[in-house]
């Protein structure tokens, strides 16, 4: 069973005037209502990756039960592969009965942090998950950060996601979006359709998109 190593008992995070993009499938969660209650604007989308986007950071939210199921059917590995490196976060929410062994869960967490380069946070419940999102929305970028500016517009976010794949730079991302118009069509395109844009990188990118680890 996971235990959250941090406690947030009486702290009241500031209420930033920010817009958070939320996947439509999160409407059954209490997290969006907590965000709205704290003064944030929720913008509903059918996100292709992740459950929330905050200041260009893509957040994948998993309850403990859902995480274990997605490890068993290997869905989580394709989801982590599609998340943009250094601009994403996995939130593991709640606790419960262990379906997997402790060794399997620990192995997954190590792979998440070291192999996929995706940081993760453990939260107790939906309220604490919302608090983390609120803090992320109010977080100011470090003046020492060497990261490029986070994309703000929807087209910039689409291009940013594409550029997380090996061999896809700004110009290639622009050409792909101009031709296919949406990320969904790019991810569903055949090798023959992608070859003129990606060249010898086509097979590798298709493998990253469609093969489970």
Protein backbone atom coordinates (compact mmCIF):
# COMPACT_ATOMS: atom_id res chain seq x y z
CA UNK A 1 0.00 0.00 0.00
CA UNK A 2 1.29 3.48 -0.85
CA UNK A 3 1.49 6.15 1.84
CA UNK A 4 1.88 9.83 1.04
CA UNK A 5 5.14 11.06 2.60
CA UNK A 6 3.91 14.65 2.78
CA UNK A 7 1.13 16.19 4.81
CA UNK A 8 -0.93 19.28 3.89
CA UNK A 9 -3.14 19.79 6.88
CA UNK A 10 -4.03 23.46 7.20
CA UNK A 11 -2.17 25.17 4.39
CA UNK A 12 -4.36 27.22 2.09
CA UNK A 13 -2.78 27.61 -1.34
CA UNK A 14 -3.16 30.89 -3.14
CA UNK A 15 -5.93 31.24 -5.71
CA UNK A 16 -4.30 32.03 -9.04
CA UNK A 17 -6.42 33.29 -11.91
CA UNK A 18 -5.38 30.56 -14.28
CA UNK A 19 -7.11 28.36 -16.84
CA UNK A 20 -6.58 24.62 -16.53
CA UNK A 21 -7.39 22.36 -19.47
CA UNK A 22 -9.26 19.29 -18.26
CA UNK A 23 -10.12 16.12 -20.14
CA UNK A 24 -13.85 15.43 -20.53
CA UNK A 25 -13.43 12.05 -18.82
CA UNK A 26 -12.56 13.85 -15.58
CA UNK A 27 -16.14 15.11 -15.18
CA UNK A 28 -16.82 12.20 -12.80
CA UNK A 29 -13.95 13.31 -10.57
CA UNK A 30 -14.21 15.84 -7.75
CA UNK A 31 -10.90 17.44 -8.77
CA UNK A 32 -12.36 19.93 -11.31
CA UNK A 33 -15.00 21.13 -8.83
CA UNK A 34 -12.23 21.72 -6.28
CA UNK A 35 -10.34 23.77 -8.85
CA UNK A 36 -13.40 25.87 -9.68
CA UNK A 37 -14.11 26.37 -5.97
CA UNK A 38 -10.59 27.77 -5.54
CA UNK A 39 -11.10 30.32 -8.30
CA UNK A 40 -9.51 28.64 -11.29
CA UNK A 41 -11.15 28.45 -14.70
CA UNK A 42 -11.68 24.94 -16.05
CA UNK A 43 -11.59 24.56 -19.82
CA UNK A 44 -13.00 21.20 -20.89
CA UNK A 45 -11.35 19.38 -23.81
CA UNK A 46 -11.03 15.91 -25.28
CA UNK A 47 -7.32 15.72 -24.54
CA UNK A 48 -5.30 13.27 -26.60
CA UNK A 49 -2.79 12.75 -23.80
CA UNK A 50 -3.06 13.35 -20.07
CA UNK A 51 -5.98 14.42 -17.91
CA UNK A 52 -4.95 18.00 -17.13
CA UNK A 53 -2.73 20.62 -18.74
CA UNK A 54 -1.43 23.35 -16.43
CA UNK A 55 0.91 25.98 -17.86
CA UNK A 56 2.01 23.56 -20.57
CA UNK A 57 2.61 20.71 -18.09
CA UNK A 58 0.67 17.55 -18.99
CA UNK A 59 -0.64 15.69 -15.94
CA UNK A 60 -1.75 12.07 -16.01
CA UNK A 61 -3.95 11.28 -12.97
CA UNK A 62 -4.34 7.70 -11.79
CA UNK A 63 -6.18 6.36 -8.79
CA UNK A 64 -4.26 3.59 -7.06
CA UNK A 65 -6.72 0.97 -8.32
CA UNK A 66 -6.59 2.30 -11.90
CA UNK A 67 -2.79 2.42 -11.80
CA UNK A 68 -2.57 -1.26 -10.89
CA UNK A 69 -5.05 -2.24 -13.62
CA UNK A 70 -3.17 -0.19 -16.21
CA UNK A 71 0.12 -1.83 -15.19
CA UNK A 72 -1.44 -5.28 -15.64
CA UNK A 73 -2.84 -4.50 -19.11
CA UNK A 74 0.30 -2.41 -19.94
CA UNK A 75 -1.79 0.64 -20.91
CA UNK A 76 0.18 2.88 -18.56
CA UNK A 77 3.42 2.26 -20.47
CA UNK A 78 2.02 3.55 -23.77
CA UNK A 79 0.55 6.53 -21.90
CA UNK A 80 3.92 7.37 -20.33
CA UNK A 81 5.63 7.00 -23.71
CA UNK A 82 3.27 9.58 -25.23
CA UNK A 83 3.76 12.12 -22.43
CA UNK A 84 6.21 14.94 -23.29
CA UNK A 85 9.46 14.45 -21.40
CA UNK A 86 10.36 17.12 -18.82
CA UNK A 87 6.93 18.71 -19.24
CA UNK A 88 4.69 16.10 -17.65
CA UNK A 89 3.72 14.67 -14.29
CA UNK A 90 2.05 11.49 -13.02
CA UNK A 91 -0.25 11.85 -10.01
CA UNK A 92 -1.07 8.63 -8.13
CA UNK A 93 -4.12 9.22 -5.99
CA UNK A 94 -5.36 7.35 -2.94
CA UNK A 95 -4.57 3.93 -1.55
CA UNK A 96 -6.23 0.54 -1.54
CA UNK A 97 -5.72 -3.17 -1.74
CA UNK A 98 -2.57 -4.28 -3.49
CA UNK A 99 -3.38 -6.39 -6.55
CA UNK A 100 0.28 -6.41 -7.57
CA UNK A 101 3.26 -7.35 -5.45
CA UNK A 102 5.22 -4.64 -3.70
CA UNK A 103 8.20 -5.49 -5.92
CA UNK A 104 6.13 -4.92 -9.07
CA UNK A 105 4.85 -1.56 -7.84
CA UNK A 106 8.32 -0.42 -6.79
CA UNK A 107 9.71 -1.58 -10.12
CA UNK A 108 7.10 0.48 -11.95
CA UNK A 109 7.90 3.63 -9.94
CA UNK A 110 11.61 3.23 -10.66
CA UNK A 111 10.90 2.76 -14.37
CA UNK A 112 8.61 5.80 -14.36
CA UNK A 113 11.26 8.08 -12.86
CA UNK A 114 14.43 6.65 -14.41
CA UNK A 115 13.43 5.11 -17.76
CA UNK A 116 10.50 7.31 -18.81
CA UNK A 117 11.85 10.42 -17.03
CA UNK A 118 8.35 11.19 -15.69
CA UNK A 119 8.19 12.50 -12.11
CA UNK A 120 5.33 11.29 -9.94
CA UNK A 121 3.47 12.56 -6.88
CA UNK A 122 1.44 10.55 -4.37
CA UNK A 123 -1.76 12.20 -3.09
CA UNK A 124 -4.24 11.04 -0.49
CA UNK A 125 -7.44 12.03 -2.29
CA UNK A 126 -9.02 14.25 -4.95
CA UNK A 127 -8.79 17.31 -2.73
CA UNK A 128 -5.03 16.97 -2.36
CA UNK A 129 -4.66 16.32 -6.09
CA UNK A 130 -6.48 19.60 -6.74
CA UNK A 131 -4.18 21.39 -4.27
CA UNK A 132 -1.13 20.25 -6.22
CA UNK A 133 -2.68 21.48 -9.48
CA UNK A 134 -3.47 24.83 -7.86
CA UNK A 135 0.11 25.17 -6.63
CA UNK A 136 1.39 24.28 -10.09
CA UNK A 137 -0.86 26.93 -11.63
CA UNK A 138 0.49 29.57 -9.22
CA UNK A 139 4.11 28.46 -9.51
CA UNK A 140 6.43 31.02 -11.04
CA UNK A 141 9.19 29.76 -13.34
CA UNK A 142 12.66 29.83 -11.83
CA UNK A 143 14.91 32.57 -13.13
CA UNK A 144 17.65 29.93 -13.36
CA UNK A 145 15.58 27.56 -15.47
CA UNK A 146 17.18 26.46 -18.72
CA UNK A 147 13.90 25.09 -20.06
CA UNK A 148 12.39 26.81 -23.12
CA UNK A 149 9.21 28.85 -22.59
CA UNK A 150 6.17 26.66 -22.12
CA UNK A 151 3.72 26.74 -25.04
CA UNK A 152 0.58 28.75 -24.31
CA UNK A 153 -1.70 28.51 -27.36
CA UNK A 154 -3.35 25.26 -28.40
CA UNK A 155 -1.33 25.01 -31.68
CA UNK A 156 1.87 25.65 -29.72
CA UNK A 157 0.96 22.84 -27.32
CA UNK A 158 0.29 20.49 -30.24
CA UNK A 159 3.68 21.31 -31.77
CA UNK A 160 5.35 20.95 -28.37
CA UNK A 161 3.94 17.43 -27.95
CA UNK A 162 5.21 16.40 -31.40
CA UNK A 163 8.67 17.78 -30.67
CA UNK A 164 8.98 15.45 -27.67
CA UNK A 165 9.46 12.57 -30.16
CA UNK A 166 12.97 11.82 -31.45
CA UNK A 167 13.73 13.35 -34.82
CA UNK A 168 10.80 15.81 -34.81
CA UNK A 169 11.89 19.42 -34.68
CA UNK A 170 9.86 22.63 -34.98
CA UNK A 171 9.78 22.60 -38.81
CA UNK A 172 8.75 18.94 -39.03
CA UNK A 173 6.05 19.45 -36.38
CA UNK A 174 4.74 22.45 -38.35
CA UNK A 175 4.59 20.43 -41.59
CA UNK A 176 2.83 17.49 -39.90
CA UNK A 177 0.17 19.74 -38.36
CA UNK A 178 -0.31 21.64 -41.63
CA UNK A 179 -0.91 18.36 -43.46
CA UNK A 180 -2.86 16.29 -40.90
CA UNK A 181 -4.37 19.20 -38.88
CA UNK A 182 -4.75 17.22 -35.61
CA UNK A 183 -2.52 15.10 -33.37
CA UNK A 184 -5.07 12.29 -33.50
CA UNK A 185 -4.75 12.00 -37.29
CA UNK A 186 -0.96 12.08 -37.04
CA UNK A 187 -0.92 9.31 -34.42
CA UNK A 188 -3.31 7.20 -36.51
CA UNK A 189 -1.50 7.77 -39.82
CA UNK A 190 0.11 4.87 -41.65
CA UNK A 191 3.83 4.45 -42.12
CA UNK A 192 3.42 5.31 -45.81
CA UNK A 193 1.67 8.59 -44.97
CA UNK A 194 4.29 9.60 -42.38
CA UNK A 195 7.36 8.59 -44.39
CA UNK A 196 7.60 11.84 -46.45
CA UNK A 197 7.72 13.85 -43.22
CA UNK A 198 9.71 11.61 -40.86
CA UNK A 199 11.97 9.63 -43.18
CA UNK A 200 14.00 6.92 -41.45
CA UNK A 201 12.57 7.94 -38.05
CA UNK A 202 9.08 6.79 -39.10
CA UNK A 203 9.30 3.21 -37.85
CA UNK A 204 10.77 4.28 -34.48
CA UNK A 205 8.05 6.83 -33.85
CA UNK A 206 5.32 4.37 -34.82
CA UNK A 207 6.85 1.87 -32.41
CA UNK A 208 6.80 4.48 -29.59
CA UNK A 209 3.16 5.27 -30.35
CA UNK A 210 1.71 1.80 -30.68
CA UNK A 211 3.92 -0.77 -28.93
CA UNK A 212 3.49 -1.54 -25.25
CA UNK A 213 6.59 -1.99 -23.13
